[in-house]
Amino acid sequence: MAEKLILGITMGDPASIGPEITVKALAKKEIYDECRPLVIGDAAVMEEAAKIVGREDIKIRAVQSVGEAKYEYGTIDVYDMKLMDLNTLERGKVSAAAGEAAFGYVKKVIELAMAGEIDGTVTNAFNKEAVNLAGHHYSGHTEIYADFTGTKKYTMMLAHENLRVVHVSTHVALREACDRVKKDRVLEVIRIAHQACKDLGIENPKVGVAGLNPHSGENGLFGREEIEEIIPAIGEAVKEGINAEGPVPPDTVFSKARGGWYDIVVAMYHDQGHIPLKVVGFVYNKNEKKWDAVAGVNITLGLPIVRSSVDHGTAFDQAGLGIANELSLMNAIDYGVKLAKSNKVKKGE
């Protein structure tokens, strides 16, 4: 047991599917075989979630410290923060109270990781509107982690099976995203992408760098960002020994990566990277009118601590129904374990 890493898993927005998929994921023995999971949230909400998903056989055990947790399969240890009043909780609804609670869970899991009490962090989704209503003005988890860890150079990575994507920019308007395609930032993200692959055990990663414009600008005909910013960044990366290639037209680079041409793709903005990954990872069953798979992982790279996350939102429309799919959370836990092990090796622990 001592060699299994401790992962702090935030419950997510109490009004979301987060508590439900957490129960579903931690009801599987393989999770306890690979790590020691500790939920950061509210024990009372988790107890209700266990009832909703029909797993009342799973016990919820409230603890007030990491040291109190027992990590026994069949019992979910919850670092009980008591931030959400069940009497006022409305599942599937945006509220400042739920946003405040969700923010509190994230802040606590970061504090525990920074203090070395846990080995890695995994986050369930929160609602950005709710968090902002609570007075915490962040555009997402990534920015909260960067702020509370004092990190200046970071990026988001999405992963599903052999498709991995990192981003030059994420939560900004598209007009601003184009302005953020600068040589230094592109080079920074190429370096982070290269290191991320090495941390995942890929010895000589091949990095595909997407263009910004259609056809990667067609030699300046459709824009000059490739010529003035992206190509010089790739050139610098190659000089440093990084196996980077591009700019590859955005409409083909992801298919090439899916086929094994690249180990990771550097996307220039949020949707350029998110859309192809979610087309592959999110599978909707038209006949049964339900999601067969909501797979994929969101990882923040460049932090001093490990953070992986589900690659979906709060799904308020499914909250309280017990039908939400836990696959993305299980994938996030798996990545969290891999990255936490790599992090320990780098630190010489």
Protein backbone atom coordinates (compact mmCIF):
# COMPACT_ATOMS: atom_id res chain seq x y z
CA MET A 1 0.00 0.00 0.00
CA ALA A 2 2.81 2.43 0.85
CA GLU A 3 4.14 2.48 -2.71
CA LYS A 4 0.78 3.35 -4.26
CA LEU A 5 0.52 7.05 -4.96
CA ILE A 6 -2.14 9.24 -3.35
CA LEU A 7 -4.35 11.10 -5.82
CA GLY A 8 -6.60 13.94 -4.67
CA ILE A 9 -9.80 13.92 -6.75
CA THR A 10 -12.04 16.98 -6.59
CA MET A 11 -15.76 16.31 -6.49
CA GLY A 12 -16.51 19.07 -9.01
CA ASP A 13 -19.60 21.28 -8.89
CA PRO A 14 -21.96 19.70 -6.31
CA ALA A 15 -24.90 20.32 -8.68
CA SER A 16 -23.17 18.50 -11.55
CA ILE A 17 -22.52 14.89 -12.55
CA GLY A 18 -19.14 15.10 -10.78
CA PRO A 19 -20.17 13.40 -7.52
CA GLU A 20 -22.03 10.66 -9.43
CA ILE A 21 -19.20 9.71 -11.79
CA THR A 22 -16.78 9.84 -8.86
CA VAL A 23 -18.80 7.16 -7.07
CA LYS A 24 -19.03 5.12 -10.28
CA ALA A 25 -15.29 5.32 -10.93
CA LEU A 26 -14.26 4.54 -7.36
CA ALA A 27 -16.66 1.60 -7.27
CA LYS A 28 -14.16 -0.18 -9.55
CA LYS A 29 -11.44 -2.17 -7.83
CA GLU A 30 -8.84 -1.44 -10.52
CA ILE A 31 -8.66 2.17 -9.34
CA TYR A 32 -7.60 1.01 -5.88
CA ASP A 33 -5.13 -1.41 -7.45
CA GLU A 34 -3.24 1.46 -9.08
CA CYS A 35 -3.50 4.29 -6.54
CA ARG A 36 -4.88 5.57 -3.24
CA PRO A 37 -7.79 7.89 -4.17
CA LEU A 38 -8.94 10.68 -1.86
CA VAL A 39 -12.00 12.70 -2.85
CA ILE A 40 -11.88 16.41 -1.98
CA GLY A 41 -15.47 17.53 -1.50
CA ASP A 42 -18.50 17.14 0.72
CA ALA A 43 -19.25 13.73 2.25
CA ALA A 44 -22.99 14.46 2.43
CA VAL A 45 -23.17 15.20 -1.30
CA MET A 46 -21.20 12.05 -2.05
CA GLU A 47 -23.60 9.97 0.05
CA GLU A 48 -26.51 11.29 -1.98
CA ALA A 49 -24.62 10.60 -5.20
CA ALA A 50 -24.09 6.97 -4.15
CA LYS A 51 -27.86 6.63 -3.76
CA ILE A 52 -28.52 8.29 -7.13
CA VAL A 53 -26.26 5.85 -9.01
CA GLY A 54 -27.58 2.84 -7.09
CA ARG A 55 -24.36 2.12 -5.22
CA GLU A 56 -25.49 2.37 -1.62
CA ASP A 57 -23.21 -0.60 -0.95
CA ILE A 58 -20.28 1.83 -1.32
CA LYS A 59 -19.55 3.50 2.01
CA ILE A 60 -18.62 7.16 2.22
CA ARG A 61 -16.07 7.87 4.94
CA ALA A 62 -15.52 11.50 5.96
CA VAL A 63 -11.97 12.46 6.98
CA GLN A 64 -10.44 15.75 8.04
CA SER A 65 -6.87 15.04 6.95
CA VAL A 66 -4.95 12.97 4.42
CA GLY A 67 -3.52 10.88 7.23
CA GLU A 68 -7.00 9.72 8.35
CA ALA A 69 -7.82 8.11 5.00
CA LYS A 70 -7.65 4.30 4.79
CA TYR A 71 -7.98 3.81 1.01
CA GLU A 72 -9.93 0.57 1.26
CA TYR A 73 -11.88 -0.69 -1.73
CA GLY A 74 -15.60 -0.49 -1.01
CA THR A 75 -15.21 2.71 1.01
CA ILE A 76 -14.63 6.15 -0.51
CA ASP A 77 -12.55 8.46 1.65
CA VAL A 78 -13.77 12.05 1.39
CA TYR A 79 -11.76 15.00 2.68
CA ASP A 80 -14.94 16.56 4.01
CA MET A 81 -14.97 20.33 3.52
CA LYS A 82 -18.66 20.82 4.38
CA LEU A 83 -19.03 23.65 1.86
CA MET A 84 -22.42 22.73 0.40
CA ASP A 85 -25.75 22.76 2.21
CA LEU A 86 -27.83 19.85 0.91
CA ASN A 87 -31.01 21.77 1.76
CA THR A 88 -30.15 24.45 -0.78
CA LEU A 89 -28.50 22.25 -3.42
CA GLU A 90 -30.39 22.20 -6.72
CA ARG A 91 -28.89 19.64 -9.08
CA GLY A 92 -28.52 20.80 -12.64
CA LYS A 93 -28.67 24.49 -11.71
CA VAL A 94 -26.00 27.18 -11.78
CA SER A 95 -25.51 28.78 -8.37
CA ALA A 96 -22.94 30.91 -6.58
CA ALA A 97 -23.07 28.53 -3.60
CA ALA A 98 -22.12 25.52 -5.72
CA GLY A 99 -19.48 27.62 -7.50
CA GLU A 100 -17.96 28.62 -4.16
CA ALA A 101 -17.84 24.99 -3.05
CA ALA A 102 -16.29 23.79 -6.31
CA PHE A 103 -13.65 26.50 -6.12
CA GLY A 104 -12.91 25.55 -2.51
CA TYR A 105 -12.28 21.92 -3.47
CA VAL A 106 -9.82 22.95 -6.19
CA LYS A 107 -7.96 25.34 -3.90
CA LYS A 108 -7.65 22.64 -1.23
CA VAL A 109 -6.37 19.93 -3.59
CA ILE A 110 -3.71 22.34 -4.90
CA GLU A 111 -2.66 23.16 -1.33
CA LEU A 112 -2.37 19.47 -0.44
CA ALA A 113 -0.27 18.76 -3.54
CA MET A 114 1.99 21.77 -3.02
CA ALA A 115 2.54 20.66 0.59
CA GLY A 116 3.52 17.19 -0.62
CA GLU A 117 0.66 15.49 1.21
CA ILE A 118 -0.67 13.96 -2.01
CA ASP A 119 1.19 12.89 -5.15
CA GLY A 120 -1.12 14.21 -7.82
CA THR A 121 -4.47 15.88 -8.46
CA VAL A 122 -7.45 14.96 -10.63
CA THR A 123 -10.31 17.38 -11.20
CA ASN A 124 -13.96 16.90 -12.00
CA ALA A 125 -15.68 19.68 -13.93
CA PHE A 126 -16.91 22.90 -12.42
CA ASN A 127 -19.17 25.51 -13.97
CA LYS A 128 -17.26 28.65 -14.93
CA GLU A 129 -20.33 30.86 -14.57
CA ALA A 130 -20.99 29.53 -11.06
CA VAL A 131 -17.38 30.05 -9.98
CA ASN A 132 -17.45 33.61 -11.31
CA LEU A 133 -20.79 34.27 -9.59
CA ALA A 134 -19.02 33.26 -6.37
CA GLY A 135 -16.50 36.05 -6.99
CA HIS A 136 -13.59 34.00 -8.32
CA HIS A 137 -12.81 35.42 -11.73
CA TYR A 138 -11.01 32.67 -13.58
CA SER A 139 -11.70 31.27 -17.03
CA GLY A 140 -11.02 27.68 -15.97
CA HIS A 141 -9.12 25.18 -13.86
CA THR A 142 -5.88 25.78 -15.78
CA GLU A 143 -5.73 29.43 -14.78
CA ILE A 144 -6.51 28.64 -11.12
CA TYR A 145 -3.73 26.08 -10.98
CA ALA A 146 -1.28 28.49 -12.62
CA ASP A 147 -2.20 31.24 -10.17
CA PHE A 148 -2.03 29.19 -6.98
CA THR A 149 1.21 27.45 -7.99
CA GLY A 150 2.89 30.62 -9.26
CA THR A 151 3.37 29.12 -12.74
CA LYS A 152 3.99 31.44 -15.69
CA LYS A 153 4.75 28.94 -18.49
CA TYR A 154 2.03 26.34 -18.88
CA THR A 155 -0.36 24.87 -21.40
CA MET A 156 -3.29 22.48 -21.66
CA MET A 157 -2.92 19.00 -23.12
CA LEU A 158 -5.86 16.87 -24.25
CA ALA A 159 -5.33 13.16 -24.72
CA HIS A 160 -7.39 10.21 -25.96
CA GLU A 161 -5.71 6.94 -26.87
CA ASN A 162 -2.80 7.89 -29.18
CA LEU A 163 -4.07 11.41 -29.96
CA ARG A 164 -2.46 14.13 -27.84
CA VAL A 165 -2.95 17.86 -28.34
CA VAL A 166 -1.42 20.91 -26.63
CA HIS A 167 -2.49 24.52 -27.15
CA VAL A 168 -0.75 27.83 -27.75
CA SER A 169 -3.84 29.56 -26.28
CA THR A 170 -7.09 28.34 -24.79
CA HIS A 171 -9.77 30.43 -23.09
CA VAL A 172 -9.61 33.67 -25.08
CA ALA A 173 -11.65 35.15 -27.93
CA LEU A 174 -10.69 33.86 -31.37
CA ARG A 175 -9.47 37.31 -32.45
CA GLU A 176 -7.13 37.40 -29.46
CA ALA A 177 -6.04 33.80 -30.05
CA CYS A 178 -4.70 34.77 -33.49
CA ASP A 179 -2.72 37.62 -31.90
CA ARG A 180 -1.18 35.21 -29.40
CA VAL A 181 0.50 33.12 -32.09
CA LYS A 182 4.01 34.46 -31.48
CA LYS A 183 7.35 32.75 -31.96
CA ASP A 184 8.32 32.66 -28.28
CA ARG A 185 4.99 31.21 -27.16
CA VAL A 186 4.90 28.62 -29.96
CA LEU A 187 8.45 27.53 -29.09
CA GLU A 188 7.56 27.36 -25.40
CA VAL A 189 4.61 25.05 -26.13
CA ILE A 190 6.69 22.84 -28.46
CA ARG A 191 9.19 22.38 -25.63
CA ILE A 192 6.42 21.57 -23.13
CA ALA A 193 4.84 19.09 -25.58
CA HIS A 194 8.19 17.35 -26.12
CA GLN A 195 8.78 17.01 -22.38
CA ALA A 196 5.22 15.79 -21.74
CA CYS A 197 5.71 12.92 -24.16
CA LYS A 198 9.00 11.99 -22.52
CA ASP A 199 7.25 12.02 -19.13
CA LEU A 200 4.76 9.55 -20.56
CA GLY A 201 7.57 7.21 -21.59
CA ILE A 202 7.97 8.19 -25.27
CA GLU A 203 11.75 8.26 -25.80
CA ASN A 204 11.97 10.31 -29.00
CA PRO A 205 8.68 12.18 -29.44
CA LYS A 206 7.69 13.53 -32.82
CA VAL A 207 5.87 16.83 -32.50
CA GLY A 208 3.51 17.97 -35.23
CA VAL A 209 2.93 21.73 -35.23
CA ALA A 210 -0.35 22.92 -36.76
CA GLY A 211 -0.61 26.01 -38.88
CA LEU A 212 -2.97 28.81 -37.90
CA ASN A 213 -4.44 29.62 -41.31
CA PRO A 214 -6.11 27.43 -43.97
CA HIS A 215 -3.43 25.40 -45.81
CA SER A 216 -0.93 26.80 -43.27
CA GLY A 217 -1.16 30.17 -45.00
CA GLU A 218 -0.29 28.90 -48.52
CA ASN A 219 3.10 30.70 -48.47
CA GLY A 220 1.58 33.95 -47.24
CA LEU A 221 -1.47 33.98 -49.47
CA PHE A 222 -3.88 33.40 -46.54
CA GLY A 223 -1.87 35.01 -43.75
CA ARG A 224 1.72 35.47 -42.64
CA GLU A 225 1.69 33.99 -39.12
CA GLU A 226 3.26 30.75 -40.36
CA ILE A 227 6.12 32.57 -42.08
CA GLU A 228 6.80 35.14 -39.38
CA GLU A 229 6.08 33.24 -36.14
CA ILE A 230 5.47 29.49 -36.45
CA ILE A 231 8.26 28.44 -38.83
CA PRO A 232 10.94 30.34 -36.86
CA ALA A 233 9.71 28.66 -33.64
CA ILE A 234 9.92 25.21 -35.23
CA GLY A 235 13.43 26.03 -36.49
CA GLU A 236 14.59 26.91 -32.97
CA ALA A 237 13.05 23.74 -31.56
CA VAL A 238 14.85 21.60 -34.14
CA LYS A 239 18.15 23.29 -33.26
CA GLU A 240 17.53 22.23 -29.65
CA GLY A 241 17.20 18.61 -30.72
CA ILE A 242 13.41 18.42 -30.67
CA ASN A 243 11.87 16.35 -33.45
CA ALA A 244 9.31 18.97 -34.52
CA GLU A 245 7.67 19.26 -37.94
CA GLY A 246 5.39 21.82 -39.55
CA PRO A 247 3.51 23.96 -39.89
CA VAL A 248 1.18 21.17 -40.96
CA PRO A 249 -2.20 22.23 -42.41
CA PRO A 250 -4.74 22.09 -39.56
CA ASP A 251 -7.17 19.99 -41.59
CA THR A 252 -4.72 17.08 -41.91
CA VAL A 253 -2.40 17.22 -38.89
CA PHE A 254 -4.80 15.46 -36.52
CA SER A 255 -5.51 12.61 -38.93
CA LYS A 256 -1.77 12.14 -39.28
CA ALA A 257 -1.36 12.07 -35.50
CA ARG A 258 -4.20 9.58 -35.16
CA GLY A 259 -2.39 7.40 -37.69
CA GLY A 260 0.82 7.48 -35.66
CA TRP A 261 2.66 10.10 -37.71
CA TYR A 262 3.05 12.36 -34.65
CA ASP A 263 3.09 11.63 -30.92
CA ILE A 264 1.60 15.02 -30.09
CA VAL A 265 0.18 18.03 -31.94
CA VAL A 266 0.71 21.69 -31.07
CA ALA A 267 -2.61 23.43 -31.84
CA MET A 268 -2.75 27.18 -32.20
CA TYR A 269 -6.00 27.80 -30.29
CA HIS A 270 -8.70 26.16 -28.17
CA ASP A 271 -11.19 24.79 -30.69
CA GLN A 272 -8.54 23.82 -33.23
CA GLY A 273 -7.34 21.23 -30.72
CA HIS A 274 -10.54 20.41 -28.85
CA ILE A 275 -12.79 19.61 -31.80
CA PRO A 276 -10.79 16.73 -33.32
CA LEU A 277 -10.12 15.14 -29.95
CA LYS A 278 -13.77 15.25 -28.90
CA VAL A 279 -14.93 13.93 -32.27
CA VAL A 280 -12.82 10.85 -31.53
CA GLY A 281 -13.48 10.56 -27.78
CA PHE A 282 -17.16 11.49 -27.48
CA VAL A 283 -19.47 8.85 -28.97
CA TYR A 284 -23.24 9.44 -28.98
CA ASN A 285 -25.62 6.53 -29.52
CA LYS A 286 -28.39 7.93 -31.70
CA ASN A 287 -30.68 4.91 -31.28
CA GLU A 288 -30.45 4.73 -27.49
CA LYS A 289 -30.14 8.53 -27.15
CA LYS A 290 -27.21 8.35 -24.75
CA TRP A 291 -23.46 8.76 -24.75
CA ASP A 292 -21.69 5.43 -25.21
CA ALA A 293 -18.38 7.10 -24.41
CA VAL A 294 -17.25 10.45 -23.08
CA ALA A 295 -13.54 9.75 -23.12
CA GLY A 296 -10.43 11.89 -23.06
CA VAL A 297 -8.27 13.62 -20.51
CA ASN A 298 -7.34 17.26 -19.91
CA ILE A 299 -3.86 17.76 -18.42
CA THR A 300 -2.16 20.99 -17.38
CA LEU A 301 1.53 20.88 -18.32
CA GLY A 302 4.31 23.02 -16.88
CA LEU A 303 3.04 22.99 -13.28
CA PRO A 304 5.14 21.95 -10.27
CA ILE A 305 2.36 19.48 -9.39
CA VAL A 306 0.41 16.91 -11.42
CA ARG A 307 -3.06 17.85 -12.64
CA SER A 308 -5.23 15.74 -14.91
CA SER A 309 -8.94 16.22 -15.46
CA VAL A 310 -12.06 14.95 -17.15
CA ASP A 311 -12.44 16.32 -20.66
CA HIS A 312 -16.10 17.26 -20.37
CA GLY A 313 -18.27 19.80 -18.63
CA THR A 314 -20.68 19.66 -15.72
CA ALA A 315 -23.47 18.06 -17.82
CA PHE A 316 -26.21 19.67 -15.71
CA ASP A 317 -28.82 18.07 -17.98
CA GLN A 318 -27.76 14.63 -16.67
CA ALA A 319 -27.21 15.58 -13.01
CA GLY A 320 -29.28 13.59 -10.56
CA LEU A 321 -30.25 10.93 -13.11
CA GLY A 322 -27.46 8.47 -12.39
CA ILE A 323 -26.72 7.93 -16.10
CA ALA A 324 -23.50 9.93 -16.53
CA ASN A 325 -20.50 8.12 -18.01
CA GLU A 326 -17.42 7.81 -15.77
CA LEU A 327 -14.92 6.79 -18.49
CA SER A 328 -13.24 10.19 -18.80
CA LEU A 329 -12.68 10.34 -15.03
CA MET A 330 -11.15 6.86 -15.06
CA ASN A 331 -8.86 7.93 -17.91
CA ALA A 332 -7.89 11.05 -15.95
CA ILE A 333 -7.02 8.96 -12.89
CA ASP A 334 -4.90 6.66 -15.05
CA TYR A 335 -2.99 9.61 -16.53
CA GLY A 336 -2.67 11.13 -13.07
CA VAL A 337 -0.94 8.01 -11.82
CA LYS A 338 1.45 7.88 -14.81
CA LEU A 339 2.40 11.54 -14.49
CA ALA A 340 2.74 11.37 -10.69
CA LYS A 341 5.15 8.43 -11.03
CA SER A 342 7.17 10.33 -13.63
CA ASN A 343 7.17 13.41 -11.38
CA LYS A 344 8.60 11.38 -8.51
CA VAL A 345 11.36 9.98 -10.73
CA LYS A 346 12.31 13.51 -11.87
CA LYS A 347 12.50 14.64 -8.25
CA GLY A 348 14.62 11.61 -7.37
CA GLU A 349 12.11 10.31 -4.85
